[in-house]
Amino acid sequence: MADPQERDVPSLEDEIFAVAQSVQEEPASDAERPRLRLRSERALDFAERTRSLSGREVGAIAAGFGLFVFVDFVMMYAPLMTSRRPSLLPQFVTLLVLAFGLGGLLMWKVGGRWRSFGAGMMLAWVFLTLVSVGFLTGVTVTL
């Protein structure tokens, strides 16, 4: 069977668990530091504000985003579904004023919870422009 001389040789199981026990953990002070190394004060302030977003602010951003997507769908459905496309310039100007005019007014003049709502409207305009290559926001007026 087994030779008594081989009993001192560690088994595979012993080697695996020995490796698992010798893994060093990071000190607690390193784990508490943020992973991002931000150098400017503005970047640090922005990072702190995004970490402290409450559920209401996220909900207001989503509501502004959703409202703008709905208004965009209503305004752009008829011109994009017709076989002979009219000029999209009126829709483009209206959506731009709605997103950045009303959204900017809510962000910088009204403030409060409406600030997040206005940011959501502006984010929706940018998102729809990028996703649809400008068709849903009328940016492709010259094409």
N, C-alpha and C. Protein backbone atom coordinates (compact mmCIF):
# COMPACT_ATOMS: atom_id res chain seq x y z
N MET A 1 0.81 -1.17 0.00
CA MET A 1 0.00 0.00 0.00
C MET A 1 0.86 1.24 0.00
N ALA A 2 0.61 2.09 0.94
CA ALA A 2 1.38 3.34 0.97
C ALA A 2 2.62 3.15 1.81
N ASP A 3 3.71 3.65 1.29
CA ASP A 3 4.96 3.56 2.04
C ASP A 3 4.96 4.61 3.14
N PRO A 4 5.51 4.31 4.28
CA PRO A 4 5.55 5.29 5.36
C PRO A 4 6.39 6.50 5.01
N GLN A 5 7.29 6.38 4.06
CA GLN A 5 8.13 7.52 3.67
C GLN A 5 7.32 8.56 2.89
N GLU A 6 6.27 8.15 2.19
CA GLU A 6 5.48 9.06 1.36
C GLU A 6 4.45 9.84 2.16
N ARG A 7 4.28 9.55 3.42
CA ARG A 7 3.27 10.25 4.22
C ARG A 7 3.67 11.69 4.49
N ASP A 8 4.92 12.03 4.42
CA ASP A 8 5.36 13.40 4.66
C ASP A 8 5.18 14.30 3.43
N VAL A 9 4.94 13.72 2.28
CA VAL A 9 4.73 14.48 1.05
C VAL A 9 3.30 15.03 1.06
N PRO A 10 3.12 16.34 0.85
CA PRO A 10 1.76 16.89 0.89
C PRO A 10 0.94 16.42 -0.31
N SER A 11 -0.32 16.21 -0.07
CA SER A 11 -1.21 15.79 -1.15
C SER A 11 -1.64 17.01 -1.97
N LEU A 12 -2.35 16.74 -3.06
CA LEU A 12 -2.84 17.82 -3.91
C LEU A 12 -3.82 18.71 -3.15
N GLU A 13 -4.64 18.11 -2.33
CA GLU A 13 -5.59 18.86 -1.52
C GLU A 13 -4.88 19.79 -0.56
N ASP A 14 -3.82 19.32 0.05
CA ASP A 14 -3.04 20.16 0.96
C ASP A 14 -2.43 21.35 0.22
N GLU A 15 -1.95 21.13 -0.99
CA GLU A 15 -1.35 22.21 -1.75
C GLU A 15 -2.38 23.25 -2.17
N ILE A 16 -3.56 22.81 -2.57
CA ILE A 16 -4.61 23.76 -2.98
C ILE A 16 -5.03 24.64 -1.81
N PHE A 17 -5.29 24.03 -0.66
CA PHE A 17 -5.72 24.81 0.48
C PHE A 17 -4.60 25.67 1.05
N ALA A 18 -3.37 25.25 0.87
CA ALA A 18 -2.24 26.06 1.32
C ALA A 18 -2.14 27.33 0.49
N VAL A 19 -2.40 27.22 -0.82
CA VAL A 19 -2.39 28.41 -1.68
C VAL A 19 -3.53 29.34 -1.30
N ALA A 20 -4.70 28.78 -1.03
CA ALA A 20 -5.85 29.60 -0.67
C ALA A 20 -5.62 30.33 0.66
N GLN A 21 -4.87 29.74 1.57
CA GLN A 21 -4.61 30.39 2.85
C GLN A 21 -3.52 31.43 2.75
N SER A 22 -2.67 31.33 1.76
CA SER A 22 -1.57 32.28 1.67
C SER A 22 -1.92 33.52 0.84
N VAL A 23 -3.15 33.61 0.33
CA VAL A 23 -3.56 34.79 -0.42
C VAL A 23 -3.70 35.96 0.53
N GLN A 24 -3.07 37.06 0.19
CA GLN A 24 -3.11 38.23 1.06
C GLN A 24 -4.28 39.13 0.67
N GLU A 25 -4.93 39.65 1.66
CA GLU A 25 -6.03 40.57 1.43
C GLU A 25 -5.51 41.99 1.53
N GLU A 26 -6.21 42.91 0.81
CA GLU A 26 -5.82 44.31 0.87
C GLU A 26 -6.17 44.88 2.24
N PRO A 27 -5.39 45.79 2.72
CA PRO A 27 -5.74 46.43 4.00
C PRO A 27 -7.05 47.20 3.87
N ALA A 28 -7.72 47.39 4.99
CA ALA A 28 -9.01 48.07 4.99
C ALA A 28 -8.90 49.50 4.50
N SER A 29 -7.78 50.16 4.72
CA SER A 29 -7.64 51.55 4.29
C SER A 29 -7.65 51.66 2.77
N ASP A 30 -7.09 50.68 2.05
CA ASP A 30 -7.12 50.70 0.59
C ASP A 30 -8.51 50.43 0.05
N ALA A 31 -9.28 49.59 0.75
CA ALA A 31 -10.62 49.26 0.28
C ALA A 31 -11.56 50.45 0.44
N GLU A 32 -11.31 51.34 1.40
CA GLU A 32 -12.19 52.47 1.62
C GLU A 32 -11.95 53.60 0.64
N ARG A 33 -10.79 53.65 0.02
CA ARG A 33 -10.50 54.72 -0.93
C ARG A 33 -11.28 54.51 -2.22
N PRO A 34 -11.69 55.58 -2.89
CA PRO A 34 -12.40 55.42 -4.16
C PRO A 34 -11.47 54.84 -5.22
N ARG A 35 -12.05 54.11 -6.15
CA ARG A 35 -11.26 53.48 -7.20
C ARG A 35 -10.78 54.50 -8.23
N LEU A 36 -11.59 55.52 -8.46
CA LEU A 36 -11.21 56.53 -9.44
C LEU A 36 -10.23 57.50 -8.81
N ARG A 37 -9.24 57.84 -9.54
CA ARG A 37 -8.26 58.83 -9.08
C ARG A 37 -8.56 60.14 -9.79
N LEU A 38 -9.38 60.96 -9.18
CA LEU A 38 -9.76 62.24 -9.76
C LEU A 38 -8.84 63.32 -9.24
N ARG A 39 -8.40 64.17 -10.13
CA ARG A 39 -7.41 65.17 -9.72
C ARG A 39 -8.00 66.54 -9.50
N SER A 40 -9.03 66.93 -10.25
CA SER A 40 -9.54 68.29 -10.09
C SER A 40 -10.68 68.31 -9.08
N GLU A 41 -10.90 69.47 -8.52
CA GLU A 41 -11.97 69.62 -7.52
C GLU A 41 -13.35 69.48 -8.16
N ARG A 42 -13.49 69.97 -9.39
CA ARG A 42 -14.77 69.87 -10.09
C ARG A 42 -15.12 68.40 -10.32
N ALA A 43 -14.14 67.61 -10.70
CA ALA A 43 -14.39 66.18 -10.93
C ALA A 43 -14.77 65.50 -9.62
N LEU A 44 -14.11 65.85 -8.54
CA LEU A 44 -14.45 65.27 -7.23
C LEU A 44 -15.86 65.67 -6.80
N ASP A 45 -16.22 66.94 -7.01
CA ASP A 45 -17.57 67.40 -6.67
C ASP A 45 -18.62 66.66 -7.49
N PHE A 46 -18.36 66.50 -8.80
CA PHE A 46 -19.30 65.79 -9.66
C PHE A 46 -19.45 64.34 -9.23
N ALA A 47 -18.35 63.70 -8.88
CA ALA A 47 -18.42 62.30 -8.44
C ALA A 47 -19.21 62.18 -7.14
N GLU A 48 -19.04 63.12 -6.24
CA GLU A 48 -19.80 63.08 -4.97
C GLU A 48 -21.29 63.30 -5.23
N ARG A 49 -21.63 64.21 -6.14
CA ARG A 49 -23.04 64.46 -6.44
C ARG A 49 -23.69 63.24 -7.08
N THR A 50 -22.98 62.55 -7.96
CA THR A 50 -23.57 61.37 -8.59
C THR A 50 -23.73 60.22 -7.59
N ARG A 51 -22.84 60.12 -6.64
CA ARG A 51 -22.98 59.08 -5.60
C ARG A 51 -24.15 59.36 -4.68
N SER A 52 -24.47 60.64 -4.49
CA SER A 52 -25.52 61.00 -3.55
C SER A 52 -26.87 61.18 -4.22
N LEU A 53 -27.07 60.70 -5.45
CA LEU A 53 -28.37 60.82 -6.10
C LEU A 53 -29.39 59.99 -5.33
N SER A 54 -30.51 60.60 -5.03
CA SER A 54 -31.55 59.87 -4.32
C SER A 54 -32.50 59.24 -5.33
N GLY A 55 -33.39 58.44 -4.83
CA GLY A 55 -34.36 57.77 -5.69
C GLY A 55 -35.30 58.76 -6.36
N ARG A 56 -35.63 59.85 -5.67
CA ARG A 56 -36.51 60.86 -6.25
C ARG A 56 -35.85 61.56 -7.43
N GLU A 57 -34.56 61.84 -7.30
CA GLU A 57 -33.86 62.50 -8.40
C GLU A 57 -33.74 61.59 -9.61
N VAL A 58 -33.46 60.33 -9.38
CA VAL A 58 -33.39 59.38 -10.49
C VAL A 58 -34.77 59.23 -11.12
N GLY A 59 -35.81 59.23 -10.30
CA GLY A 59 -37.18 59.17 -10.82
C GLY A 59 -37.53 60.40 -11.63
N ALA A 60 -37.08 61.57 -11.20
CA ALA A 60 -37.34 62.80 -11.95
C ALA A 60 -36.60 62.80 -13.28
N ILE A 61 -35.38 62.29 -13.30
CA ILE A 61 -34.63 62.17 -14.56
C ILE A 61 -35.36 61.22 -15.50
N ALA A 62 -35.82 60.10 -14.98
CA ALA A 62 -36.55 59.13 -15.80
C ALA A 62 -37.87 59.72 -16.31
N ALA A 63 -38.55 60.51 -15.47
CA ALA A 63 -39.80 61.12 -15.90
C ALA A 63 -39.57 62.15 -17.01
N GLY A 64 -38.54 62.96 -16.88
CA GLY A 64 -38.21 63.92 -17.94
C GLY A 64 -37.83 63.21 -19.22
N PHE A 65 -37.05 62.14 -19.10
CA PHE A 65 -36.65 61.34 -20.25
C PHE A 65 -37.88 60.75 -20.93
N GLY A 66 -38.76 60.16 -20.13
CA GLY A 66 -39.96 59.54 -20.68
C GLY A 66 -40.90 60.53 -21.32
N LEU A 67 -41.09 61.69 -20.70
CA LEU A 67 -41.97 62.71 -21.27
C LEU A 67 -41.44 63.19 -22.61
N PHE A 68 -40.14 63.42 -22.69
CA PHE A 68 -39.60 63.89 -23.96
C PHE A 68 -39.71 62.82 -25.04
N VAL A 69 -39.48 61.56 -24.69
CA VAL A 69 -39.62 60.48 -25.68
C VAL A 69 -41.06 60.40 -26.17
N PHE A 70 -42.03 60.57 -25.28
CA PHE A 70 -43.43 60.55 -25.67
C PHE A 70 -43.76 61.71 -26.60
N VAL A 71 -43.35 62.91 -26.24
CA VAL A 71 -43.60 64.09 -27.08
C VAL A 71 -42.91 63.93 -28.43
N ASP A 72 -41.71 63.41 -28.43
CA ASP A 72 -40.99 63.19 -29.68
C ASP A 72 -41.72 62.20 -30.56
N PHE A 73 -42.22 61.12 -29.97
CA PHE A 73 -42.96 60.12 -30.73
C PHE A 73 -44.20 60.72 -31.36
N VAL A 74 -44.94 61.53 -30.59
CA VAL A 74 -46.16 62.15 -31.10
C VAL A 74 -45.83 63.12 -32.23
N MET A 75 -44.78 63.91 -32.08
CA MET A 75 -44.45 64.92 -33.09
C MET A 75 -43.84 64.31 -34.35
N MET A 76 -43.08 63.27 -34.23
CA MET A 76 -42.34 62.74 -35.38
C MET A 76 -43.01 61.56 -36.06
N TYR A 77 -44.09 61.04 -35.49
CA TYR A 77 -44.73 59.87 -36.08
C TYR A 77 -45.29 60.17 -37.47
N ALA A 78 -46.10 61.19 -37.59
CA ALA A 78 -46.74 61.50 -38.88
C ALA A 78 -45.73 61.87 -39.96
N PRO A 79 -44.76 62.77 -39.71
CA PRO A 79 -43.83 63.10 -40.79
C PRO A 79 -42.97 61.91 -41.25
N LEU A 80 -42.62 61.02 -40.35
CA LEU A 80 -41.76 59.90 -40.74
C LEU A 80 -42.53 58.74 -41.35
N MET A 81 -43.86 58.69 -41.19
CA MET A 81 -44.65 57.60 -41.75
C MET A 81 -45.25 57.94 -43.11
N THR A 82 -45.12 59.14 -43.56
CA THR A 82 -45.65 59.50 -44.88
C THR A 82 -44.65 59.11 -45.96
N SER A 83 -45.16 58.80 -47.13
CA SER A 83 -44.26 58.41 -48.22
C SER A 83 -43.52 59.63 -48.77
N ARG A 84 -44.19 60.76 -48.81
CA ARG A 84 -43.53 61.98 -49.25
C ARG A 84 -43.19 62.80 -48.02
N ARG A 85 -41.93 62.85 -47.69
CA ARG A 85 -41.51 63.48 -46.44
C ARG A 85 -41.50 64.99 -46.57
N PRO A 86 -42.25 65.66 -45.71
CA PRO A 86 -42.15 67.12 -45.68
C PRO A 86 -40.88 67.55 -44.96
N SER A 87 -40.66 68.82 -44.88
CA SER A 87 -39.49 69.33 -44.15
C SER A 87 -39.66 69.06 -42.66
N LEU A 88 -38.59 68.61 -42.04
CA LEU A 88 -38.62 68.34 -40.61
C LEU A 88 -38.11 69.52 -39.79
N LEU A 89 -37.89 70.64 -40.43
CA LEU A 89 -37.35 71.81 -39.74
C LEU A 89 -38.26 72.30 -38.60
N PRO A 90 -39.59 72.39 -38.79
CA PRO A 90 -40.43 72.84 -37.65
C PRO A 90 -40.35 71.89 -36.45
N GLN A 91 -40.34 70.58 -36.71
CA GLN A 91 -40.24 69.63 -35.61
C GLN A 91 -38.87 69.72 -34.94
N PHE A 92 -37.84 69.90 -35.73
CA PHE A 92 -36.49 70.03 -35.19
C PHE A 92 -36.39 71.22 -34.24
N VAL A 93 -36.88 72.36 -34.68
CA VAL A 93 -36.81 73.57 -33.85
C VAL A 93 -37.65 73.40 -32.59
N THR A 94 -38.85 72.84 -32.74
CA THR A 94 -39.73 72.67 -31.59
C THR A 94 -39.13 71.71 -30.56
N LEU A 95 -38.58 70.59 -31.02
CA LEU A 95 -37.98 69.63 -30.09
C LEU A 95 -36.72 70.18 -29.44
N LEU A 96 -35.96 70.94 -30.20
CA LEU A 96 -34.75 71.54 -29.64
C LEU A 96 -35.10 72.57 -28.57
N VAL A 97 -36.10 73.40 -28.84
CA VAL A 97 -36.53 74.40 -27.85
C VAL A 97 -37.14 73.71 -26.63
N LEU A 98 -37.89 72.64 -26.87
CA LEU A 98 -38.49 71.91 -25.75
C LEU A 98 -37.42 71.29 -24.86
N ALA A 99 -36.46 70.60 -25.47
CA ALA A 99 -35.45 69.90 -24.68
C ALA A 99 -34.50 70.87 -24.00
N PHE A 100 -33.91 71.75 -24.77
CA PHE A 100 -32.86 72.60 -24.20
C PHE A 100 -33.40 73.94 -23.70
N GLY A 101 -34.48 74.43 -24.26
CA GLY A 101 -35.08 75.67 -23.75
C GLY A 101 -35.79 75.43 -22.43
N LEU A 102 -36.79 74.55 -22.47
CA LEU A 102 -37.54 74.24 -21.24
C LEU A 102 -36.68 73.47 -20.25
N GLY A 103 -35.90 72.51 -20.76
CA GLY A 103 -35.02 71.74 -19.86
C GLY A 103 -33.98 72.61 -19.19
N GLY A 104 -33.39 73.53 -19.96
CA GLY A 104 -32.41 74.46 -19.39
C GLY A 104 -33.04 75.41 -18.40
N LEU A 105 -34.24 75.89 -18.71
CA LEU A 105 -34.96 76.77 -17.78
C LEU A 105 -35.23 76.05 -16.47
N LEU A 106 -35.66 74.80 -16.56
CA LEU A 106 -35.92 74.03 -15.35
C LEU A 106 -34.65 73.77 -14.56
N MET A 107 -33.55 73.57 -15.25
CA MET A 107 -32.30 73.28 -14.55
C MET A 107 -31.71 74.51 -13.87
N TRP A 108 -31.63 75.62 -14.59
CA TRP A 108 -30.87 76.76 -14.07
C TRP A 108 -31.71 77.82 -13.38
N LYS A 109 -32.96 77.96 -13.73
CA LYS A 109 -33.77 79.01 -13.11
C LYS A 109 -34.74 78.48 -12.05
N VAL A 110 -35.37 77.35 -12.31
CA VAL A 110 -36.37 76.84 -11.38
C VAL A 110 -35.69 76.06 -10.26
N GLY A 111 -34.83 75.12 -10.62
CA GLY A 111 -34.08 74.36 -9.61
C GLY A 111 -34.93 73.35 -8.87
N GLY A 112 -34.48 72.98 -7.71
CA GLY A 112 -35.20 72.00 -6.90
C GLY A 112 -35.27 70.64 -7.58
N ARG A 113 -36.40 69.97 -7.42
CA ARG A 113 -36.60 68.67 -8.07
C ARG A 113 -36.74 68.79 -9.58
N TRP A 114 -37.11 69.98 -10.04
CA TRP A 114 -37.29 70.19 -11.48
C TRP A 114 -35.95 70.17 -12.22
N ARG A 115 -34.87 70.38 -11.50
CA ARG A 115 -33.54 70.35 -12.13
C ARG A 115 -33.28 68.98 -12.76
N SER A 116 -33.60 67.93 -12.05
CA SER A 116 -33.40 66.58 -12.57
C SER A 116 -34.34 66.29 -13.74
N PHE A 117 -35.55 66.83 -13.68
CA PHE A 117 -36.52 66.64 -14.76
C PHE A 117 -36.00 67.27 -16.05
N GLY A 118 -35.47 68.49 -15.95
CA GLY A 118 -34.90 69.16 -17.12
C GLY A 118 -33.70 68.43 -17.67
N ALA A 119 -32.87 67.89 -16.79
CA ALA A 119 -31.71 67.11 -17.23
C ALA A 119 -32.16 65.86 -17.97
N GLY A 120 -33.23 65.24 -17.52
CA GLY A 120 -33.77 64.07 -18.20
C GLY A 120 -34.27 64.40 -19.60
N MET A 121 -34.87 65.56 -19.77
CA MET A 121 -35.33 65.97 -21.10
C MET A 121 -34.15 66.17 -22.05
N MET A 122 -33.11 66.81 -21.55
CA MET A 122 -31.93 67.03 -22.40
C MET A 122 -31.23 65.72 -22.73
N LEU A 123 -31.14 64.83 -21.75
CA LEU A 123 -30.54 63.52 -22.00
C LEU A 123 -31.34 62.72 -23.03
N ALA A 124 -32.66 62.84 -22.98
CA ALA A 124 -33.50 62.13 -23.95
C ALA A 124 -33.26 62.65 -25.36
N TRP A 125 -33.12 63.96 -25.53
CA TRP A 125 -32.87 64.51 -26.85
C TRP A 125 -31.54 63.98 -27.40
N VAL A 126 -30.51 64.01 -26.57
CA VAL A 126 -29.20 63.52 -27.01
C VAL A 126 -29.27 62.03 -27.32
N PHE A 127 -29.93 61.26 -26.47
CA PHE A 127 -30.04 59.82 -26.67
C PHE A 127 -30.78 59.49 -27.96
N LEU A 128 -31.92 60.14 -28.19
CA LEU A 128 -32.69 59.86 -29.40
C LEU A 128 -31.96 60.31 -30.65
N THR A 129 -31.21 61.39 -30.56
CA THR A 129 -30.44 61.84 -31.71
C THR A 129 -29.35 60.84 -32.06
N LEU A 130 -28.66 60.33 -31.06
CA LEU A 130 -27.59 59.37 -31.32
C LEU A 130 -28.13 58.02 -31.78
N VAL A 131 -29.19 57.54 -31.16
CA VAL A 131 -29.72 56.22 -31.48
C VAL A 131 -30.36 56.20 -32.87
N SER A 132 -31.07 57.25 -33.23
CA SER A 132 -31.78 57.26 -34.51
C SER A 132 -31.01 57.98 -35.61
N VAL A 133 -29.78 58.33 -35.37
CA VAL A 133 -28.94 59.07 -36.30
C VAL A 133 -29.65 60.36 -36.74
N GLY A 134 -30.36 60.95 -35.82
CA GLY A 134 -30.99 62.23 -36.06
C GLY A 134 -32.39 62.20 -36.64
N PHE A 135 -32.89 61.05 -37.06
CA PHE A 135 -34.21 61.00 -37.66
C PHE A 135 -35.31 61.34 -36.67
N LEU A 136 -35.21 60.89 -35.44
CA LEU A 136 -36.28 61.13 -34.48
C LEU A 136 -36.28 62.52 -33.88
N THR A 137 -35.22 63.27 -34.05
CA THR A 137 -35.19 64.63 -33.53
C THR A 137 -35.10 65.67 -34.64
N GLY A 138 -35.10 65.25 -35.89
CA GLY A 138 -35.12 66.20 -36.99
C GLY A 138 -33.76 66.80 -37.30
N VAL A 139 -32.69 66.26 -36.78
CA VAL A 139 -31.35 66.81 -37.04
C VAL A 139 -30.98 66.61 -38.50
N THR A 140 -31.51 65.61 -39.15
CA THR A 140 -31.18 65.32 -40.55
C THR A 140 -32.04 66.15 -41.50
N VAL A 141 -32.24 67.42 -41.19
CA VAL A 141 -33.09 68.29 -42.00
C VAL A 141 -32.53 68.44 -43.40
N THR A 142 -31.23 68.55 -43.54
CA THR A 142 -30.63 68.82 -44.84
C THR A 142 -30.55 67.59 -45.72
N LEU A 143 -30.76 66.39 -45.18
CA LEU A 143 -30.65 65.18 -46.01
C LEU A 143 -31.83 64.96 -46.88
